[in-house]
Amino acid sequence: MKIVEIADVKSSPNPHGVDARKIYDTENALTVHMTIKPGESLKRHITPVDVFFYVLEGEGIVEVGEERQLVKKDSLIESPKNIVHCWYNESDSDLRILVIKVPKPLQDTKIL
């Protein structure tokens, strides 16, 4: 059994400038624990694989394709591959999400 404590994983540098910690990284999938602070957002981007997000804490605005919606804790959001997506934290508290990419991407994410 392998147990990963989020606090023990260092944040990985990323083009969004947010706290992003790879907590599961195998040949089959990638999971990132992301914290988006109040006022922060990601850059609009496209991934070459399907992604789903699970909101652990807080609330934020998620954009997938032409849709934008406010989502809260315990929401799961699907984002198909090759579709523009983004996150915005316009609240007063941290937004913590799990980002799960399946299968693990072999190509880089395209920042717009």
C-alpha atoms as a PDB file:
ATOM      1  CA  MET A   1       0.000   0.000   0.000  1.00  0.00           C
ATOM      2  CA  LYS A   2       1.219   3.482  -0.814  1.00  0.00           C
ATOM      3  CA  ILE A   3      -0.108   6.459   1.149  1.00  0.00           C
ATOM      4  CA  VAL A   4       0.549  10.030   0.037  1.00  0.00           C
ATOM      5  CA  GLU A   5       0.190  12.959   2.434  1.00  0.00           C
ATOM      6  CA  ILE A   6      -0.577  16.125   0.448  1.00  0.00           C
ATOM      7  CA  ALA A   7       1.553  18.256   2.792  1.00  0.00           C
ATOM      8  CA  ASP A   8       4.604  16.093   2.006  1.00  0.00           C
ATOM      9  CA  VAL A   9       4.379  16.656  -1.764  1.00  0.00           C
ATOM     10  CA  LYS A  10       6.049  19.758  -3.162  1.00  0.00           C
ATOM     11  CA  SER A  11       4.127  22.018  -5.516  1.00  0.00           C
ATOM     12  CA  SER A  12       5.190  21.599  -9.139  1.00  0.00           C
ATOM     13  CA  PRO A  13       6.025  24.654 -11.235  1.00  0.00           C
ATOM     14  CA  ASN A  14       3.203  25.284 -13.704  1.00  0.00           C
ATOM     15  CA  PRO A  15       2.172  27.972 -16.207  1.00  0.00           C
ATOM     16  CA  HIS A  16      -0.824  28.906 -14.027  1.00  0.00           C
ATOM     17  CA  GLY A  17       1.280  29.924 -11.028  1.00  0.00           C
ATOM     18  CA  VAL A  18      -0.936  28.056  -8.542  1.00  0.00           C
ATOM     19  CA  ASP A  19      -0.184  25.401  -5.934  1.00  0.00           C
ATOM     20  CA  ALA A  20      -0.318  22.130  -7.913  1.00  0.00           C
ATOM     21  CA  ARG A  21       0.930  18.875  -6.367  1.00  0.00           C
ATOM     22  CA  LYS A  22       1.164  15.655  -8.348  1.00  0.00           C
ATOM     23  CA  ILE A  23      -0.127  13.078  -5.896  1.00  0.00           C
ATOM     24  CA  TYR A  24      -0.622  10.152  -8.285  1.00  0.00           C
ATOM     25  CA  ASP A  25       1.546   9.754 -11.362  1.00  0.00           C
ATOM     26  CA  THR A  26       1.625   6.413 -13.178  1.00  0.00           C
ATOM     27  CA  GLU A  27       1.739   5.326 -16.791  1.00  0.00           C
ATOM     28  CA  ASN A  28      -2.074   5.095 -16.746  1.00  0.00           C
ATOM     29  CA  ALA A  29      -3.287   8.257 -15.003  1.00  0.00           C
ATOM     30  CA  LEU A  30      -2.261  11.519 -13.381  1.00  0.00           C
ATOM     31  CA  THR A  31      -3.875  13.171 -10.360  1.00  0.00           C
ATOM     32  CA  VAL A  32      -3.021  16.668  -9.171  1.00  0.00           C
ATOM     33  CA  HIS A  33      -4.150  18.319  -5.929  1.00  0.00           C
ATOM     34  CA  MET A  34      -4.622  21.984  -6.812  1.00  0.00           C
ATOM     35  CA  THR A  35      -5.229  24.949  -4.524  1.00  0.00           C
ATOM     36  CA  ILE A  36      -6.461  28.122  -6.176  1.00  0.00           C
ATOM     37  CA  LYS A  37      -6.299  31.072  -3.789  1.00  0.00           C
ATOM     38  CA  PRO A  38      -8.919  33.850  -3.721  1.00  0.00           C
ATOM     39  CA  GLY A  39      -8.519  36.027  -6.799  1.00  0.00           C
ATOM     40  CA  GLU A  40      -6.403  33.460  -8.651  1.00  0.00           C
ATOM     41  CA  SER A  41      -7.362  31.673 -11.845  1.00  0.00           C
ATOM     42  CA  LEU A  42      -5.879  29.247 -14.303  1.00  0.00           C
ATOM     43  CA  LYS A  43      -5.012  30.189 -17.858  1.00  0.00           C
ATOM     44  CA  ARG A  44      -7.438  28.853 -20.435  1.00  0.00           C
ATOM     45  CA  HIS A  45      -5.968  25.638 -21.789  1.00  0.00           C
ATOM     46  CA  ILE A  46      -6.616  22.417 -23.680  1.00  0.00           C
ATOM     47  CA  THR A  47      -5.517  18.944 -22.601  1.00  0.00           C
ATOM     48  CA  PRO A  48      -5.033  16.043 -25.030  1.00  0.00           C
ATOM     49  CA  VAL A  49      -6.884  13.628 -22.697  1.00  0.00           C
ATOM     50  CA  ASP A  50     -10.145  13.536 -20.769  1.00  0.00           C
ATOM     51  CA  VAL A  51     -10.031  15.326 -17.420  1.00  0.00           C
ATOM     52  CA  PHE A  52     -12.383  15.298 -14.491  1.00  0.00           C
ATOM     53  CA  PHE A  53     -12.321  17.560 -11.477  1.00  0.00           C
ATOM     54  CA  TYR A  54     -13.543  16.935  -7.952  1.00  0.00           C
ATOM     55  CA  VAL A  55     -14.049  19.950  -5.680  1.00  0.00           C
ATOM     56  CA  LEU A  56     -12.653  19.173  -2.226  1.00  0.00           C
ATOM     57  CA  GLU A  57     -13.175  22.570  -0.606  1.00  0.00           C
ATOM     58  CA  GLY A  58     -14.621  25.964  -1.463  1.00  0.00           C
ATOM     59  CA  GLU A  59     -16.368  27.108  -4.581  1.00  0.00           C
ATOM     60  CA  GLY A  60     -15.223  28.366  -7.946  1.00  0.00           C
ATOM     61  CA  ILE A  61     -16.234  29.019 -11.488  1.00  0.00           C
ATOM     62  CA  VAL A  62     -15.359  26.293 -13.948  1.00  0.00           C
ATOM     63  CA  GLU A  63     -15.346  26.867 -17.695  1.00  0.00           C
ATOM     64  CA  VAL A  64     -15.565  23.917 -20.076  1.00  0.00           C
ATOM     65  CA  GLY A  65     -16.000  24.806 -23.740  1.00  0.00           C
ATOM     66  CA  GLU A  66     -18.712  27.470 -24.002  1.00  0.00           C
ATOM     67  CA  GLU A  67     -20.163  26.731 -20.546  1.00  0.00           C
ATOM     68  CA  ARG A  68     -19.320  28.506 -17.278  1.00  0.00           C
ATOM     69  CA  GLN A  69     -20.811  27.520 -13.967  1.00  0.00           C
ATOM     70  CA  LEU A  70     -20.325  28.109 -10.252  1.00  0.00           C
ATOM     71  CA  VAL A  71     -19.559  24.803  -8.526  1.00  0.00           C
ATOM     72  CA  LYS A  72     -19.126  23.952  -4.856  1.00  0.00           C
ATOM     73  CA  LYS A  73     -17.578  21.317  -2.620  1.00  0.00           C
ATOM     74  CA  ASP A  74     -18.347  17.700  -3.507  1.00  0.00           C
ATOM     75  CA  SER A  75     -19.034  18.441  -7.184  1.00  0.00           C
ATOM     76  CA  LEU A  76     -17.530  16.361  -9.993  1.00  0.00           C
ATOM     77  CA  ILE A  77     -17.044  18.063 -13.361  1.00  0.00           C
ATOM     78  CA  GLU A  78     -16.168  16.321 -16.626  1.00  0.00           C
ATOM     79  CA  SER A  79     -14.012  17.982 -19.283  1.00  0.00           C
ATOM     80  CA  PRO A  80     -13.546  16.043 -22.530  1.00  0.00           C
ATOM     81  CA  LYS A  81     -10.177  16.016 -24.264  1.00  0.00           C
ATOM     82  CA  ASN A  82      -9.312  18.805 -26.706  1.00  0.00           C
ATOM     83  CA  ILE A  83     -11.868  21.208 -25.163  1.00  0.00           C
ATOM     84  CA  VAL A  84     -10.863  24.570 -23.677  1.00  0.00           C
ATOM     85  CA  HIS A  85     -11.269  24.660 -19.910  1.00  0.00           C
ATOM     86  CA  CYS A  86     -10.360  26.912 -17.004  1.00  0.00           C
ATOM     87  CA  TRP A  87     -10.957  27.613 -13.291  1.00  0.00           C
ATOM     88  CA  TYR A  88     -11.547  30.930 -11.495  1.00  0.00           C
ATOM     89  CA  ASN A  89     -11.664  31.560  -7.758  1.00  0.00           C
ATOM     90  CA  GLU A  90     -13.708  34.707  -7.212  1.00  0.00           C
ATOM     91  CA  SER A  91     -14.544  33.775  -3.608  1.00  0.00           C
ATOM     92  CA  ASP A  92     -12.919  34.809  -0.318  1.00  0.00           C
ATOM     93  CA  SER A  93     -11.570  31.339   0.523  1.00  0.00           C
ATOM     94  CA  ASP A  94      -9.325  28.674  -0.996  1.00  0.00           C
ATOM     95  CA  LEU A  95     -10.630  26.461  -3.769  1.00  0.00           C
ATOM     96  CA  ARG A  96      -9.131  22.959  -3.563  1.00  0.00           C
ATOM     97  CA  ILE A  97      -9.700  20.509  -6.387  1.00  0.00           C
ATOM     98  CA  LEU A  98      -8.453  17.154  -7.585  1.00  0.00           C
ATOM     99  CA  VAL A  99      -7.556  17.129 -11.263  1.00  0.00           C
ATOM    100  CA  ILE A 100      -7.606  13.615 -12.729  1.00  0.00           C
ATOM    101  CA  LYS A 101      -6.314  13.016 -16.255  1.00  0.00           C
ATOM    102  CA  VAL A 102      -7.054   9.687 -17.899  1.00  0.00           C
ATOM    103  CA  PRO A 103      -5.206   8.256 -19.593  1.00  0.00           C
ATOM    104  CA  LYS A 104      -2.015   9.999 -18.535  1.00  0.00           C
ATOM    105  CA  PRO A 105      -1.212  12.548 -21.242  1.00  0.00           C
ATOM    106  CA  LEU A 106       1.714  11.842 -23.544  1.00  0.00           C
ATOM    107  CA  GLN A 107       1.557  15.352 -25.037  1.00  0.00           C
ATOM    108  CA  ASP A 108       1.795  18.721 -23.316  1.00  0.00           C
ATOM    109  CA  THR A 109      -1.198  20.824 -22.337  1.00  0.00           C
ATOM    110  CA  LYS A 110      -1.770  23.716 -24.734  1.00  0.00           C
ATOM    111  CA  ILE A 111      -2.007  27.096 -22.956  1.00  0.00           C
ATOM    112  CA  LEU A 112      -4.114  29.656 -24.832  1.00  0.00           C
END
